[in-house]
Structures are given as C-alpha cells and as structure tokens.
Amino acid sequence: MKFLCLHGAGTNSHVLEIQFGPIREALSSNGQFEFYDAFCEVEPVEEIRNIFAGPFFTWYSPGLGGHTLEEAKAELLDIIETEGPFDACLGFSQGAALLAAVMIDHQKNNPFGPNLFKLAVFICGGAPLLVTKSLQEPDFLYSPPVASMAALTEPWMGPYVPGHEPHPDESWNIFLAEKVREAGLTIRIPTAHIYGSKDNTLKESLRLRDICDPRRRVEFDHGRGHEVPRAPHLVQQMAATIRRAIDNALTAH
C-alpha cells in the first residue's frame, strides 16, 4: 500500500519521517511511505528549532494570505497526479487538515466518481478549512466550491501559529461536522484517528474525526500532547489502530 505523507506546519518531511519511524517499524508491513515538503518556507515551530535542520515549511498560512490554502490544494492534487496513484494518505496536524479539505472538495465535485484514496490516517489532525474571502487570487488554477460550501462552516478562531494570524479583511472558516454530514459530504473512506487528550488542538482532531464516516473509522487517544509519542506501548497501540484501518480499507466494497 502506497501512502502519501504530509507533515505539520512549520516542520518538514524529514521531521515527519522521524516522528512516524517507530510506528512504521511496528507496522511490519511492505507499505511504501512517500514524504513531501510543503510549499511555503517559514520559521520552524519552537519545539523543533534546535533539534532538526531546515528549511521548514507550511502548507498554508492565514498570515501569508488566503490564497495559500487554494494553492496548497492545487499543488497537492498535482502531486497526486504526477507522483501517484496513492492507495492511502497520512497527515500530521496541518497535513491532515489539508488532506481532508481536498477530499471534501473532491467528493463535492465528483459525487459519483472514485475516491482520491482508499484510506486516510490522521495523527493529531487539524480540521479542514475553507477561505470564504481572500484578498488575493491564487497563482494556480483551482476552483473550490466555496459558494456552496460556506454554509457548512463557521469562522475559524485558531489557535494560530504565532506570527501567522489572519489578515482582518480575509475570512478563514472551519468545517462543522454536523453540517458536513447533513450535506452528504462525510469523508466516506476508512480512516484512522490518532490524537492526544492533552493536545491544545484536541477539539480540531475530534472535529476532523466527526467529519469522517463513523462506520469506517477507528481511533486511539495516546493521552499526550500535540506529538507522535515514542513510548513502546503507545507505538504498538498506534500501529494496531492503523492496522485496523488498513484491514477496513482492504475489505471495503
């Protein structure tokens, strides 16, 4: 199974590869994991500043403008087209939010077409966002169905990465799980949700979980913060959760 893997904001693909390394070993599978860097270079998040080498990236940033979200979606679809096909995807934090946003857009635009992936793994995932008012047009040809999907969102109040707060004349919104379900846009593929009860963005992880089909999702609370724990017993439990999701994907009809 070939995975497309996206890191969180203010880090890079190497950071995620190291974060995920113990789980990858515990999976003991022939899975192929492809890690990609985001498109906007930024200062690193404080937790990794003196640990990992740069450069560091973010997929999108309210502080850099609403157009960055649409450009990230376009770039991600280009990766899928040129580097794929991918059987599955894995995202940490902002990487998970971007994957979910693209999947919702895809389902809206292709209600009866094939899914982008057969499986999604979200670790400390953020909830998908929608820019309903932007000061600058994106540099890429990507037209998300903003007008018809704005009603499924509410204003996003953060938390924001320090220095990346939104411009007052732009509108960043976050999807509401209940509205997404009512619109028939629940993410319909099998999903795995790994999150921490001490994470200050836990509400976003649970919102992302609730946007996914409850019949096809599995979850695990590692009890820590916004991180991928390395304690052996937690690694084994996270790997077991992902294995269950893989089994769900392999037996899905």
C-alpha atoms as a PDB file:
ATOM      1  CA  MET A   1       0.000   0.000   0.000  1.00  0.00           C
ATOM      2  CA  LYS A   2       1.487   3.319  -1.115  1.00  0.00           C
ATOM      3  CA  PHE A   3       0.995   6.248   1.306  1.00  0.00           C
ATOM      4  CA  LEU A   4       1.202   9.975   0.564  1.00  0.00           C
ATOM      5  CA  CYS A   5       2.507  11.584   3.786  1.00  0.00           C
ATOM      6  CA  LEU A   6       2.155  15.278   4.737  1.00  0.00           C
ATOM      7  CA  HIS A   7       3.873  16.960   7.695  1.00  0.00           C
ATOM      8  CA  GLY A   8       2.559  19.662  10.035  1.00  0.00           C
ATOM      9  CA  ALA A   9       3.014  23.441   9.881  1.00  0.00           C
ATOM     10  CA  GLY A  10       6.484  24.821  10.498  1.00  0.00           C
ATOM     11  CA  THR A  11       8.279  21.490  10.070  1.00  0.00           C
ATOM     12  CA  ASN A  12       9.283  19.398   7.046  1.00  0.00           C
ATOM     13  CA  SER A  13       9.082  15.934   5.523  1.00  0.00           C
ATOM     14  CA  HIS A  14      12.199  14.746   7.369  1.00  0.00           C
ATOM     15  CA  VAL A  15      10.622  15.641  10.718  1.00  0.00           C
ATOM     16  CA  LEU A  16       7.502  13.595   9.939  1.00  0.00           C
ATOM     17  CA  GLU A  17       9.594  10.683   8.690  1.00  0.00           C
ATOM     18  CA  ILE A  18      11.395  10.602  12.041  1.00  0.00           C
ATOM     19  CA  GLN A  19       8.170  11.144  14.027  1.00  0.00           C
ATOM     20  CA  PHE A  20       6.480   8.259  12.234  1.00  0.00           C
ATOM     21  CA  GLY A  21       9.544   5.984  12.165  1.00  0.00           C
ATOM     22  CA  PRO A  22       8.741   3.836  15.231  1.00  0.00           C
ATOM     23  CA  ILE A  23       5.144   3.269  14.073  1.00  0.00           C
ATOM     24  CA  ARG A  24       6.383   2.361  10.612  1.00  0.00           C
ATOM     25  CA  GLU A  25       8.684  -0.251  12.109  1.00  0.00           C
ATOM     26  CA  ALA A  26       5.896  -1.584  14.319  1.00  0.00           C
ATOM     27  CA  LEU A  27       3.591  -1.999  11.332  1.00  0.00           C
ATOM     28  CA  SER A  28       5.997  -4.605   9.918  1.00  0.00           C
ATOM     29  CA  SER A  29       4.416  -4.276   6.504  1.00  0.00           C
ATOM     30  CA  ASN A  30       5.564  -3.729   2.967  1.00  0.00           C
ATOM     31  CA  GLY A  31       3.866  -0.341   2.890  1.00  0.00           C
ATOM     32  CA  GLN A  32       5.538   2.376   0.846  1.00  0.00           C
ATOM     33  CA  PHE A  33       5.581   5.795   2.525  1.00  0.00           C
ATOM     34  CA  GLU A  34       6.345   8.867   0.413  1.00  0.00           C
ATOM     35  CA  PHE A  35       7.010  12.079   2.384  1.00  0.00           C
ATOM     36  CA  TYR A  36       6.607  15.516   0.782  1.00  0.00           C
ATOM     37  CA  ASP A  37       7.571  19.054   1.762  1.00  0.00           C
ATOM     38  CA  ALA A  38       5.034  21.872   1.807  1.00  0.00           C
ATOM     39  CA  PHE A  39       5.320  24.907  -0.447  1.00  0.00           C
ATOM     40  CA  CYS A  40       5.762  27.959   1.814  1.00  0.00           C
ATOM     41  CA  GLU A  41       9.074  28.335   3.647  1.00  0.00           C
ATOM     42  CA  VAL A  42       8.637  29.639   7.201  1.00  0.00           C
ATOM     43  CA  GLU A  43      10.354  29.783  10.562  1.00  0.00           C
ATOM     44  CA  PRO A  44      10.141  26.465  12.436  1.00  0.00           C
ATOM     45  CA  VAL A  45       7.779  25.805  15.308  1.00  0.00           C
ATOM     46  CA  GLU A  46       9.588  26.437  18.585  1.00  0.00           C
ATOM     47  CA  GLU A  47       9.602  22.782  19.658  1.00  0.00           C
ATOM     48  CA  ILE A  48      11.926  21.714  16.831  1.00  0.00           C
ATOM     49  CA  ARG A  49      14.002  24.875  16.296  1.00  0.00           C
ATOM     50  CA  ASN A  50      17.164  23.467  17.877  1.00  0.00           C
ATOM     51  CA  ILE A  51      16.535  19.800  17.093  1.00  0.00           C
ATOM     52  CA  PHE A  52      16.062  19.468  13.340  1.00  0.00           C
ATOM     53  CA  ALA A  53      17.758  21.049  10.350  1.00  0.00           C
ATOM     54  CA  GLY A  54      15.797  23.298   7.995  1.00  0.00           C
ATOM     55  CA  PRO A  55      14.466  24.600   5.784  1.00  0.00           C
ATOM     56  CA  PHE A  56      10.990  24.407   7.296  1.00  0.00           C
ATOM     57  CA  PHE A  57       7.649  24.744   5.561  1.00  0.00           C
ATOM     58  CA  THR A  58       3.940  25.238   5.971  1.00  0.00           C
ATOM     59  CA  TRP A  59       1.225  24.079   3.577  1.00  0.00           C
ATOM     60  CA  TYR A  60      -0.749  27.308   4.010  1.00  0.00           C
ATOM     61  CA  SER A  61      -0.853  30.226   6.397  1.00  0.00           C
ATOM     62  CA  PRO A  62      -3.531  32.777   7.314  1.00  0.00           C
ATOM     63  CA  GLY A  63      -0.704  35.249   7.866  1.00  0.00           C
ATOM     64  CA  LEU A  64       0.571  34.756   4.313  1.00  0.00           C
ATOM     65  CA  GLY A  65      -2.909  35.050   2.806  1.00  0.00           C
ATOM     66  CA  GLY A  66      -5.997  33.044   1.989  1.00  0.00           C
ATOM     67  CA  HIS A  67      -4.664  32.258  -1.474  1.00  0.00           C
ATOM     68  CA  THR A  68      -2.085  29.945   0.118  1.00  0.00           C
ATOM     69  CA  LEU A  69      -4.785  27.390   1.013  1.00  0.00           C
ATOM     70  CA  GLU A  70      -6.061  27.144  -2.558  1.00  0.00           C
ATOM     71  CA  GLU A  71      -2.508  26.997  -3.889  1.00  0.00           C
ATOM     72  CA  ALA A  72      -1.726  24.174  -1.455  1.00  0.00           C
ATOM     73  CA  LYS A  73      -4.778  22.248  -2.668  1.00  0.00           C
ATOM     74  CA  ALA A  74      -3.713  22.700  -6.281  1.00  0.00           C
ATOM     75  CA  GLU A  75      -0.133  21.638  -5.546  1.00  0.00           C
ATOM     76  CA  LEU A  76      -1.349  18.586  -3.617  1.00  0.00           C
ATOM     77  CA  LEU A  77      -3.576  17.483  -6.487  1.00  0.00           C
ATOM     78  CA  ASP A  78      -0.589  17.901  -8.805  1.00  0.00           C
ATOM     79  CA  ILE A  79       1.496  15.617  -6.565  1.00  0.00           C
ATOM     80  CA  ILE A  80      -1.291  13.029  -6.620  1.00  0.00           C
ATOM     81  CA  GLU A  81      -1.481  13.219 -10.416  1.00  0.00           C
ATOM     82  CA  THR A  82       2.246  13.191 -11.139  1.00  0.00           C
ATOM     83  CA  GLU A  83       3.593  11.004  -8.300  1.00  0.00           C
ATOM     84  CA  GLY A  84       0.591   8.725  -7.768  1.00  0.00           C
ATOM     85  CA  PRO A  85      -1.553   6.876  -7.763  1.00  0.00           C
ATOM     86  CA  PHE A  86      -1.538   6.569  -3.977  1.00  0.00           C
ATOM     87  CA  ASP A  87      -3.553   3.941  -2.155  1.00  0.00           C
ATOM     88  CA  ALA A  88      -3.655   5.903   1.090  1.00  0.00           C
ATOM     89  CA  CYS A  89      -2.642   9.128   2.779  1.00  0.00           C
ATOM     90  CA  LEU A  90      -1.219  10.074   6.162  1.00  0.00           C
ATOM     91  CA  GLY A  91      -1.206  13.552   7.639  1.00  0.00           C
ATOM     92  CA  PHE A  92       0.050  15.071  10.876  1.00  0.00           C
ATOM     93  CA  SER A  93      -1.689  18.221  12.164  1.00  0.00           C
ATOM     94  CA  GLN A  94      -1.974  20.726   9.279  1.00  0.00           C
ATOM     95  CA  GLY A  95      -1.090  17.999   6.783  1.00  0.00           C
ATOM     96  CA  ALA A  96      -4.179  16.082   7.900  1.00  0.00           C
ATOM     97  CA  ALA A  97      -6.357  19.191   7.599  1.00  0.00           C
ATOM     98  CA  LEU A  98      -5.183  19.798   4.023  1.00  0.00           C
ATOM     99  CA  LEU A  99      -5.819  16.190   3.016  1.00  0.00           C
ATOM    100  CA  ALA A 100      -9.327  16.321   4.488  1.00  0.00           C
ATOM    101  CA  ALA A 101     -10.109  19.617   2.748  1.00  0.00           C
ATOM    102  CA  VAL A 102      -9.058  18.223  -0.627  1.00  0.00           C
ATOM    103  CA  MET A 103     -11.077  15.052  -0.076  1.00  0.00           C
ATOM    104  CA  ILE A 104     -14.213  17.047   0.767  1.00  0.00           C
ATOM    105  CA  ASP A 105     -13.741  19.232  -2.320  1.00  0.00           C
ATOM    106  CA  HIS A 106     -13.244  16.107  -4.431  1.00  0.00           C
ATOM    107  CA  GLN A 107     -16.420  14.490  -3.109  1.00  0.00           C
ATOM    108  CA  LYS A 108     -18.357  17.694  -3.782  1.00  0.00           C
ATOM    109  CA  ASN A 109     -17.063  17.941  -7.345  1.00  0.00           C
ATOM    110  CA  ASN A 110     -17.206  14.184  -8.076  1.00  0.00           C
ATOM    111  CA  PRO A 111     -20.152  12.800  -6.058  1.00  0.00           C
ATOM    112  CA  PHE A 112     -20.266   9.551  -8.012  1.00  0.00           C
ATOM    113  CA  GLY A 113     -16.621   9.270  -9.009  1.00  0.00           C
ATOM    114  CA  PRO A 114     -13.800   7.271  -7.416  1.00  0.00           C
ATOM    115  CA  ASN A 115     -12.227   8.463  -4.169  1.00  0.00           C
ATOM    116  CA  LEU A 116      -8.787  10.078  -4.134  1.00  0.00           C
ATOM    117  CA  PHE A 117      -7.606   7.445  -1.622  1.00  0.00           C
ATOM    118  CA  LYS A 118      -8.753   4.132  -0.156  1.00  0.00           C
ATOM    119  CA  LEU A 119      -7.616   5.045   3.367  1.00  0.00           C
ATOM    120  CA  ALA A 120      -6.610   8.086   5.435  1.00  0.00           C
ATOM    121  CA  VAL A 121      -4.551   8.173   8.640  1.00  0.00           C
ATOM    122  CA  PHE A 122      -4.807  11.386  10.661  1.00  0.00           C
ATOM    123  CA  ILE A 123      -2.388  11.997  13.554  1.00  0.00           C
ATOM    124  CA  CYS A 124      -3.196  14.968  15.808  1.00  0.00           C
ATOM    125  CA  GLY A 125      -5.145  16.139  12.784  1.00  0.00           C
ATOM    126  CA  GLY A 126      -6.455  19.627  12.239  1.00  0.00           C
ATOM    127  CA  ALA A 127      -9.955  20.147  10.897  1.00  0.00           C
ATOM    128  CA  PRO A 128     -10.334  21.164   7.229  1.00  0.00           C
ATOM    129  CA  LEU A 129     -10.616  24.856   6.415  1.00  0.00           C
ATOM    130  CA  LEU A 130     -12.268  26.975   3.752  1.00  0.00           C
ATOM    131  CA  VAL A 131     -11.295  30.532   2.786  1.00  0.00           C
ATOM    132  CA  THR A 132     -14.555  32.358   2.093  1.00  0.00           C
ATOM    133  CA  LYS A 133     -12.997  35.782   1.495  1.00  0.00           C
ATOM    134  CA  SER A 134      -9.497  36.326   0.131  1.00  0.00           C
ATOM    135  CA  LEU A 135      -7.620  39.494  -0.834  1.00  0.00           C
ATOM    136  CA  GLN A 136      -5.519  37.780  -3.491  1.00  0.00           C
ATOM    137  CA  GLU A 137      -6.303  35.275  -6.208  1.00  0.00           C
ATOM    138  CA  PRO A 138      -4.299  32.037  -6.056  1.00  0.00           C
ATOM    139  CA  ASP A 139      -1.447  31.561  -8.519  1.00  0.00           C
ATOM    140  CA  PHE A 140      -2.825  28.163  -9.542  1.00  0.00           C
ATOM    141  CA  LEU A 141      -5.985  27.206 -11.371  1.00  0.00           C
ATOM    142  CA  TYR A 142      -8.055  25.694  -8.616  1.00  0.00           C
ATOM    143  CA  SER A 143     -11.700  26.479  -8.051  1.00  0.00           C
ATOM    144  CA  PRO A 144     -13.064  25.032  -4.817  1.00  0.00           C
ATOM    145  CA  PRO A 145     -16.864  25.149  -4.484  1.00  0.00           C
ATOM    146  CA  VAL A 146     -16.724  27.987  -1.954  1.00  0.00           C
ATOM    147  CA  ALA A 147     -20.188  29.442  -2.548  1.00  0.00           C
ATOM    148  CA  SER A 148     -21.990  26.158  -1.973  1.00  0.00           C
ATOM    149  CA  MET A 149     -19.796  25.041   0.941  1.00  0.00           C
ATOM    150  CA  ALA A 150     -19.538  28.219   3.008  1.00  0.00           C
ATOM    151  CA  ALA A 151     -22.788  27.312   4.768  1.00  0.00           C
ATOM    152  CA  LEU A 152     -21.063  24.179   6.115  1.00  0.00           C
ATOM    153  CA  THR A 153     -18.521  26.255   8.045  1.00  0.00           C
ATOM    154  CA  GLU A 154     -18.104  28.778  10.823  1.00  0.00           C
ATOM    155  CA  PRO A 155     -15.357  31.372  11.420  1.00  0.00           C
ATOM    156  CA  TRP A 156     -12.085  29.774  12.483  1.00  0.00           C
ATOM    157  CA  MET A 157     -10.821  31.330  15.709  1.00  0.00           C
ATOM    158  CA  GLY A 158      -7.499  29.465  15.801  1.00  0.00           C
ATOM    159  CA  PRO A 159      -5.265  28.559  17.546  1.00  0.00           C
ATOM    160  CA  TYR A 160      -2.897  30.104  15.026  1.00  0.00           C
ATOM    161  CA  VAL A 161       0.820  29.558  14.724  1.00  0.00           C
ATOM    162  CA  PRO A 162       2.376  32.713  16.284  1.00  0.00           C
ATOM    163  CA  GLY A 163       3.059  35.243  13.556  1.00  0.00           C
ATOM    164  CA  HIS A 164       0.571  33.632  11.168  1.00  0.00           C
ATOM    165  CA  GLU A 165      -2.662  35.224  12.338  1.00  0.00           C
ATOM    166  CA  PRO A 166      -5.124  36.038   9.525  1.00  0.00           C
ATOM    167  CA  HIS A 167      -5.480  39.391   7.819  1.00  0.00           C
ATOM    168  CA  PRO A 168      -8.552  41.227   9.198  1.00  0.00           C
ATOM    169  CA  ASP A 169     -10.043  41.574   5.694  1.00  0.00           C
ATOM    170  CA  GLU A 170      -9.894  37.848   4.935  1.00  0.00           C
ATOM    171  CA  SER A 171     -12.202  35.112   6.175  1.00  0.00           C
ATOM    172  CA  TRP A 172     -10.886  31.714   7.229  1.00  0.00           C
ATOM    173  CA  ASN A 173     -13.628  29.259   8.152  1.00  0.00           C
ATOM    174  CA  ILE A 174     -13.609  25.763   9.649  1.00  0.00           C
ATOM    175  CA  PHE A 175     -15.979  22.971   8.682  1.00  0.00           C
ATOM    176  CA  LEU A 176     -18.764  21.934  11.050  1.00  0.00           C
ATOM    177  CA  ALA A 177     -19.113  18.158  11.293  1.00  0.00           C
ATOM    178  CA  GLU A 178     -22.902  18.265  11.650  1.00  0.00           C
ATOM    179  CA  LYS A 179     -23.306  20.455   8.553  1.00  0.00           C
ATOM    180  CA  VAL A 180     -20.906  18.282   6.548  1.00  0.00           C
ATOM    181  CA  ARG A 181     -22.950  15.201   7.433  1.00  0.00           C
ATOM    182  CA  GLU A 182     -26.235  16.919   6.538  1.00  0.00           C
ATOM    183  CA  ALA A 183     -24.780  17.858   3.143  1.00  0.00           C
ATOM    184  CA  GLY A 184     -23.799  14.252   2.457  1.00  0.00           C
ATOM    185  CA  LEU A 185     -20.088  15.128   2.336  1.00  0.00           C
ATOM    186  CA  THR A 186     -18.859  12.952   5.197  1.00  0.00           C
ATOM    187  CA  ILE A 187     -15.428  11.572   4.264  1.00  0.00           C
ATOM    188  CA  ARG A 188     -16.508   8.130   3.159  1.00  0.00           C
ATOM    189  CA  ILE A 189     -13.285   6.110   3.095  1.00  0.00           C
ATOM    190  CA  PRO A 190     -11.908   4.162   6.087  1.00  0.00           C
ATOM    191  CA  THR A 191      -9.963   6.454   8.424  1.00  0.00           C
ATOM    192  CA  ALA A 192      -7.696   6.151  11.469  1.00  0.00           C
ATOM    193  CA  HIS A 193      -7.630   8.980  14.017  1.00  0.00           C
ATOM    194  CA  ILE A 194      -4.763   9.194  16.499  1.00  0.00           C
ATOM    195  CA  TYR A 195      -4.855  12.131  18.907  1.00  0.00           C
ATOM    196  CA  GLY A 196      -3.857  13.180  22.417  1.00  0.00           C
ATOM    197  CA  SER A 197      -6.180  14.216  25.230  1.00  0.00           C
ATOM    198  CA  LYS A 198      -3.614  16.810  26.395  1.00  0.00           C
ATOM    199  CA  ASP A 199      -3.281  18.392  22.940  1.00  0.00           C
ATOM    200  CA  ASN A 200      -4.324  22.058  22.885  1.00  0.00           C
ATOM    201  CA  THR A 201      -5.841  21.424  19.434  1.00  0.00           C
ATOM    202  CA  LEU A 202      -7.778  18.323  20.517  1.00  0.00           C
ATOM    203  CA  LYS A 203     -11.095  19.928  19.535  1.00  0.00           C
ATOM    204  CA  GLU A 204      -9.907  20.143  15.928  1.00  0.00           C
ATOM    205  CA  SER A 205      -8.841  16.486  15.926  1.00  0.00           C
ATOM    206  CA  LEU A 206     -12.272  15.452  17.211  1.00  0.00           C
ATOM    207  CA  ARG A 207     -13.988  17.694  14.686  1.00  0.00           C
ATOM    208  CA  LEU A 208     -11.984  16.017  11.912  1.00  0.00           C
ATOM    209  CA  ARG A 209     -12.936  12.611  13.336  1.00  0.00           C
ATOM    210  CA  ASP A 210     -16.610  13.548  13.298  1.00  0.00           C
ATOM    211  CA  ILE A 211     -16.390  14.611   9.631  1.00  0.00           C
ATOM    212  CA  CYS A 212     -15.478  11.010   8.765  1.00  0.00           C
ATOM    213  CA  ASP A 213     -17.842   8.054   8.399  1.00  0.00           C
ATOM    214  CA  PRO A 214     -18.352   6.574  11.902  1.00  0.00           C
ATOM    215  CA  ARG A 215     -18.891   3.109  10.400  1.00  0.00           C
ATOM    216  CA  ARG A 216     -15.435   3.168   8.796  1.00  0.00           C
ATOM    217  CA  ARG A 217     -13.273   4.998  11.310  1.00  0.00           C
ATOM    218  CA  VAL A 218     -11.074   3.763  14.144  1.00  0.00           C
ATOM    219  CA  GLU A 219      -9.428   5.932  16.782  1.00  0.00           C
ATOM    220  CA  PHE A 220      -6.872   5.944  19.570  1.00  0.00           C
ATOM    221  CA  ASP A 221      -6.143   8.545  22.258  1.00  0.00           C
ATOM    222  CA  HIS A 222      -2.452   8.356  23.130  1.00  0.00           C
ATOM    223  CA  GLY A 223      -3.031  10.607  26.131  1.00  0.00           C
ATOM    224  CA  ARG A 224      -0.226  13.043  25.317  1.00  0.00           C
ATOM    225  CA  GLY A 225       0.027  16.429  23.640  1.00  0.00           C
ATOM    226  CA  HIS A 226       0.496  17.561  20.032  1.00  0.00           C
ATOM    227  CA  GLU A 227       3.047  14.896  19.197  1.00  0.00           C
ATOM    228  CA  VAL A 228       3.692  11.375  17.998  1.00  0.00           C
ATOM    229  CA  PRO A 229       4.736   9.557  21.192  1.00  0.00           C
ATOM    230  CA  ARG A 230       7.692   7.183  21.075  1.00  0.00           C
ATOM    231  CA  ALA A 231       6.914   5.132  24.207  1.00  0.00           C
ATOM    232  CA  PRO A 232       6.926   1.488  23.036  1.00  0.00           C
ATOM    233  CA  HIS A 233       3.475   0.595  24.401  1.00  0.00           C
ATOM    234  CA  LEU A 234       1.921   3.644  22.715  1.00  0.00           C
ATOM    235  CA  VAL A 235       3.730   2.928  19.442  1.00  0.00           C
ATOM    236  CA  GLN A 236       2.284  -0.574  19.430  1.00  0.00           C
ATOM    237  CA  GLN A 237      -1.233   0.726  20.089  1.00  0.00           C
ATOM    238  CA  MET A 238      -0.946   3.376  17.374  1.00  0.00           C
ATOM    239  CA  ALA A 239       0.323   0.764  14.911  1.00  0.00           C
ATOM    240  CA  ALA A 240      -2.554  -1.553  15.852  1.00  0.00           C
ATOM    241  CA  THR A 241      -5.038   1.258  15.174  1.00  0.00           C
ATOM    242  CA  ILE A 242      -3.556   1.862  11.731  1.00  0.00           C
ATOM    243  CA  ARG A 243      -3.597  -1.882  11.005  1.00  0.00           C
ATOM    244  CA  ARG A 244      -7.308  -1.982  11.784  1.00  0.00           C
ATOM    245  CA  ALA A 245      -7.878   0.884   9.344  1.00  0.00           C
ATOM    246  CA  ILE A 246      -5.821  -0.871   6.670  1.00  0.00           C
ATOM    247  CA  ASP A 247      -7.896  -4.020   7.175  1.00  0.00           C
ATOM    248  CA  ASN A 248     -11.057  -1.922   6.807  1.00  0.00           C
ATOM    249  CA  ALA A 249      -9.734  -0.474   3.545  1.00  0.00           C
ATOM    250  CA  LEU A 250      -8.738  -3.855   2.150  1.00  0.00           C
ATOM    251  CA  THR A 251     -12.181  -5.315   2.843  1.00  0.00           C
ATOM    252  CA  ALA A 252     -14.223  -2.225   1.847  1.00  0.00           C
ATOM    253  CA  HIS A 253     -16.677  -2.548  -1.026  1.00  0.00           C
END
